[in-house]
Amino acid sequence: MKKQLCYECVKYGGGDYMHTTRKTVTVYLISGPLGVGKSTVSKTLASAMNQCVLIEGDLLLQVYRGETEPPWEERLRLAWLNIAAVTRNFLVNGLDVVIDFVVEDELQWFFDQLSDLDVTLHYVVLHAEPDTLNARLHQRGDTQYIDRSLFLRSKLMASPVNELFLLDTDGKKPDELAEEIIKNSRFRIHG
């Protein structure tokens, strides 16, 4: 009879099973337009936690090598599949996860991917004034992304799904934002 994998039993190495401690694990999904401070806030948040993993979604978009790469839609689809798979692997092993990636229309899909686990999901959409985004992108030499950032800002802020999860970064330090994300229950998604 074949052994089944469960939340508490994870296949390890050559067929042995490693039993993990069952606990509620937490995912913090940090979204927002380019230049808003997602990476800085995500790193600060991850550092403030006891033990967690930081997944930087942009790294999964930049894995392609060679003369050609898949079209944008395919790269994005594969990035989300990989984010979900890697997140699951860490959660099953009892680790909390912080994800730094722009969430446009993928929130429900991502939530569904983890729905069978005992997971608390927090979702935050960082935003800032257009002048702030413009200045930050100029400062880091990413002026080619200004139009995309402003487009994403408008799209994310206008989405009814994001309304409860918006967090203004203007005039706030990363540690203040991380503390608010951890303490404020309005960022928790209730199934």
Protein backbone atom coordinates (compact mmCIF):
# COMPACT_ATOMS: atom_id res chain seq x y z
CA MET A 1 0.00 0.00 0.00
CA LYS A 2 1.34 3.42 -0.97
CA LYS A 3 1.82 6.02 1.75
CA GLN A 4 -0.04 9.28 1.24
CA LEU A 5 1.52 12.65 1.83
CA CYS A 6 -0.24 14.85 4.31
CA TYR A 7 0.38 18.22 5.89
CA GLU A 8 2.27 16.57 8.73
CA CYS A 9 4.21 14.04 6.61
CA VAL A 10 6.60 15.25 3.96
CA LYS A 11 8.55 12.87 1.74
CA TYR A 12 12.21 13.41 2.42
CA GLY A 13 15.12 12.17 0.34
CA GLY A 14 14.98 8.53 -0.72
CA GLY A 15 11.44 7.77 0.37
CA ASP A 16 11.65 8.36 4.10
CA TYR A 17 9.04 10.59 5.64
CA MET A 18 9.88 13.58 7.77
CA HIS A 19 7.16 14.55 10.21
CA THR A 20 6.72 18.27 10.63
CA THR A 21 5.12 20.00 13.55
CA ARG A 22 1.62 21.12 12.69
CA LYS A 23 1.17 24.80 13.41
CA THR A 24 -0.65 27.66 11.83
CA VAL A 25 1.69 29.29 9.37
CA THR A 26 1.45 32.79 7.98
CA VAL A 27 1.90 34.27 4.52
CA TYR A 28 2.39 37.99 3.99
CA LEU A 29 1.77 38.91 0.36
CA ILE A 30 3.15 42.42 -0.29
CA SER A 31 2.00 44.10 -3.51
CA GLY A 32 2.17 47.58 -5.00
CA PRO A 33 3.54 49.48 -7.98
CA LEU A 34 7.22 49.72 -8.88
CA GLY A 35 9.14 52.10 -6.64
CA VAL A 36 6.67 52.01 -3.75
CA GLY A 37 9.04 50.16 -1.43
CA LYS A 38 7.79 46.56 -1.68
CA SER A 39 11.28 45.07 -1.49
CA THR A 40 12.43 47.24 1.40
CA VAL A 41 9.23 46.69 3.39
CA SER A 42 9.24 42.94 2.63
CA LYS A 43 12.84 42.58 3.81
CA THR A 44 12.12 44.62 6.94
CA LEU A 45 9.00 42.53 7.64
CA ALA A 46 10.88 39.26 7.14
CA SER A 47 13.65 40.45 9.49
CA ALA A 48 11.08 41.31 12.17
CA MET A 49 9.65 37.80 12.18
CA ASN A 50 10.96 34.93 14.28
CA GLN A 51 11.64 32.54 11.40
CA CYS A 52 10.44 32.97 7.87
CA VAL A 53 11.34 32.83 4.21
CA LEU A 54 11.39 35.82 1.85
CA ILE A 55 10.32 35.11 -1.73
CA GLU A 56 11.17 37.84 -4.22
CA GLY A 57 8.87 37.21 -7.16
CA ASP A 58 10.84 39.36 -9.57
CA LEU A 59 13.73 36.90 -9.34
CA LEU A 60 11.44 34.24 -10.83
CA LEU A 61 10.74 36.53 -13.79
CA GLN A 62 14.46 36.89 -14.49
CA VAL A 63 15.51 33.22 -14.59
CA TYR A 64 15.48 32.88 -18.37
CA ARG A 65 18.72 32.63 -20.32
CA GLY A 66 19.44 32.40 -24.02
CA GLU A 67 18.41 34.36 -27.05
CA THR A 68 14.67 34.13 -26.52
CA GLU A 69 12.38 33.94 -23.55
CA PRO A 70 8.67 33.17 -23.27
CA PRO A 71 6.19 36.01 -23.85
CA TRP A 72 5.34 38.20 -20.84
CA GLU A 73 2.02 36.45 -20.09
CA GLU A 74 3.72 33.04 -20.01
CA ARG A 75 6.59 34.31 -17.84
CA LEU A 76 4.07 35.80 -15.40
CA ARG A 77 1.98 32.60 -15.33
CA LEU A 78 5.06 30.48 -14.64
CA ALA A 79 6.30 32.92 -11.98
CA TRP A 80 2.99 32.60 -10.10
CA LEU A 81 3.01 28.81 -10.38
CA ASN A 82 6.53 28.77 -8.96
CA ILE A 83 5.68 31.24 -6.19
CA ALA A 84 2.73 29.06 -5.16
CA ALA A 85 4.80 25.85 -5.26
CA VAL A 86 7.74 27.28 -3.32
CA THR A 87 5.41 28.92 -0.80
CA ARG A 88 3.62 25.60 -0.26
CA ASN A 89 6.91 23.78 0.29
CA PHE A 90 7.97 26.19 3.01
CA LEU A 91 4.54 26.29 4.66
CA VAL A 92 4.30 22.50 4.80
CA ASN A 93 7.64 22.56 6.61
CA GLY A 94 6.32 25.00 9.22
CA LEU A 95 7.91 28.21 7.95
CA ASP A 96 6.14 31.53 7.54
CA VAL A 97 6.54 33.25 4.17
CA VAL A 98 6.82 36.87 3.02
CA ILE A 99 6.24 37.38 -0.71
CA ASP A 100 7.35 40.52 -2.55
CA PHE A 101 5.52 40.66 -5.89
CA VAL A 102 2.98 42.75 -7.77
CA VAL A 103 -0.49 41.18 -7.48
CA GLU A 104 -2.77 42.33 -10.28
CA ASP A 105 -5.52 39.71 -10.70
CA GLU A 106 -3.95 36.70 -8.99
CA LEU A 107 -5.10 37.11 -5.37
CA GLN A 108 -8.05 34.69 -5.44
CA TRP A 109 -6.08 32.14 -7.45
CA PHE A 110 -3.18 32.32 -4.97
CA PHE A 111 -5.54 32.05 -1.99
CA ASP A 112 -7.13 28.97 -3.57
CA GLN A 113 -3.71 27.34 -4.01
CA LEU A 114 -3.19 27.40 -0.24
CA SER A 115 -6.79 26.78 0.87
CA ASP A 116 -6.16 23.21 2.01
CA LEU A 117 -3.43 24.29 4.45
CA ASP A 118 -3.81 25.81 7.89
CA VAL A 119 -2.57 29.20 6.71
CA THR A 120 -3.22 32.77 7.76
CA LEU A 121 -2.88 34.99 4.70
CA HIS A 122 -2.16 38.70 5.02
CA TYR A 123 -2.38 40.87 1.92
CA VAL A 124 -1.08 44.42 1.64
CA VAL A 125 -1.10 46.81 -1.33
CA LEU A 126 1.46 49.53 -0.76
CA HIS A 127 0.89 52.83 -2.51
CA ALA A 128 2.37 56.31 -2.65
CA GLU A 129 1.67 59.59 -4.39
CA PRO A 130 2.67 59.73 -8.08
CA ASP A 131 5.35 62.34 -7.32
CA THR A 132 6.87 60.03 -4.71
CA LEU A 133 6.97 57.08 -7.13
CA ASN A 134 8.45 59.29 -9.83
CA ALA A 135 11.18 60.58 -7.49
CA ARG A 136 12.06 57.10 -6.18
CA LEU A 137 12.33 55.63 -9.67
CA HIS A 138 14.46 58.59 -10.81
CA GLN A 139 16.69 58.18 -7.77
CA ARG A 140 17.40 54.52 -8.47
CA GLY A 141 17.83 55.06 -12.23
CA ASP A 142 14.66 53.23 -13.28
CA THR A 143 12.96 56.04 -15.19
CA GLN A 144 11.90 53.59 -17.92
CA TYR A 145 9.42 52.10 -15.40
CA ILE A 146 7.64 55.32 -14.40
CA ASP A 147 4.70 54.89 -16.78
CA ARG A 148 4.25 51.24 -15.77
CA SER A 149 4.42 52.18 -12.09
CA LEU A 150 1.80 54.91 -12.42
CA PHE A 151 -0.43 52.57 -14.44
CA LEU A 152 -0.14 49.87 -11.75
CA ARG A 153 -0.78 52.41 -9.00
CA SER A 154 -4.04 53.46 -10.66
CA LYS A 155 -5.10 49.88 -11.37
CA LEU A 156 -4.31 48.58 -7.89
CA MET A 157 -5.92 51.49 -6.06
CA ALA A 158 -9.07 51.36 -8.21
CA SER A 159 -9.63 47.63 -7.67
CA PRO A 160 -12.52 46.94 -5.25
CA VAL A 161 -10.64 43.79 -4.14
CA ASN A 162 -7.73 45.93 -2.88
CA GLU A 163 -9.77 48.61 -1.12
CA LEU A 164 -9.41 47.18 2.40
CA PHE A 165 -5.74 46.29 1.95
CA LEU A 166 -4.25 49.64 0.85
CA LEU A 167 -1.38 51.05 2.90
CA ASP A 168 0.11 54.48 2.16
CA THR A 169 3.92 54.49 2.35
CA ASP A 170 4.39 58.26 2.04
CA GLY A 171 6.25 59.68 5.03
CA LYS A 172 6.58 56.30 6.77
CA LYS A 173 9.72 54.33 7.51
CA PRO A 174 9.97 50.65 6.50
CA ASP A 175 9.99 49.48 10.13
CA GLU A 176 6.81 51.46 10.87
CA LEU A 177 5.12 49.91 7.83
CA ALA A 178 6.25 46.39 8.79
CA GLU A 179 4.92 46.86 12.32
CA GLU A 180 1.57 48.06 10.99
CA ILE A 181 1.35 45.10 8.61
CA ILE A 182 2.00 42.65 11.45
CA LYS A 183 -0.33 44.27 13.99
CA ASN A 184 -3.25 45.49 11.88
CA SER A 185 -5.88 42.76 11.41
CA ARG A 186 -7.43 44.54 8.42
CA PHE A 187 -4.70 43.02 6.22
CA ARG A 188 -5.79 39.50 7.10
CA ILE A 189 -7.81 37.68 4.48
CA HIS A 190 -10.67 35.72 5.95
CA GLY A 191 -11.67 32.63 3.99
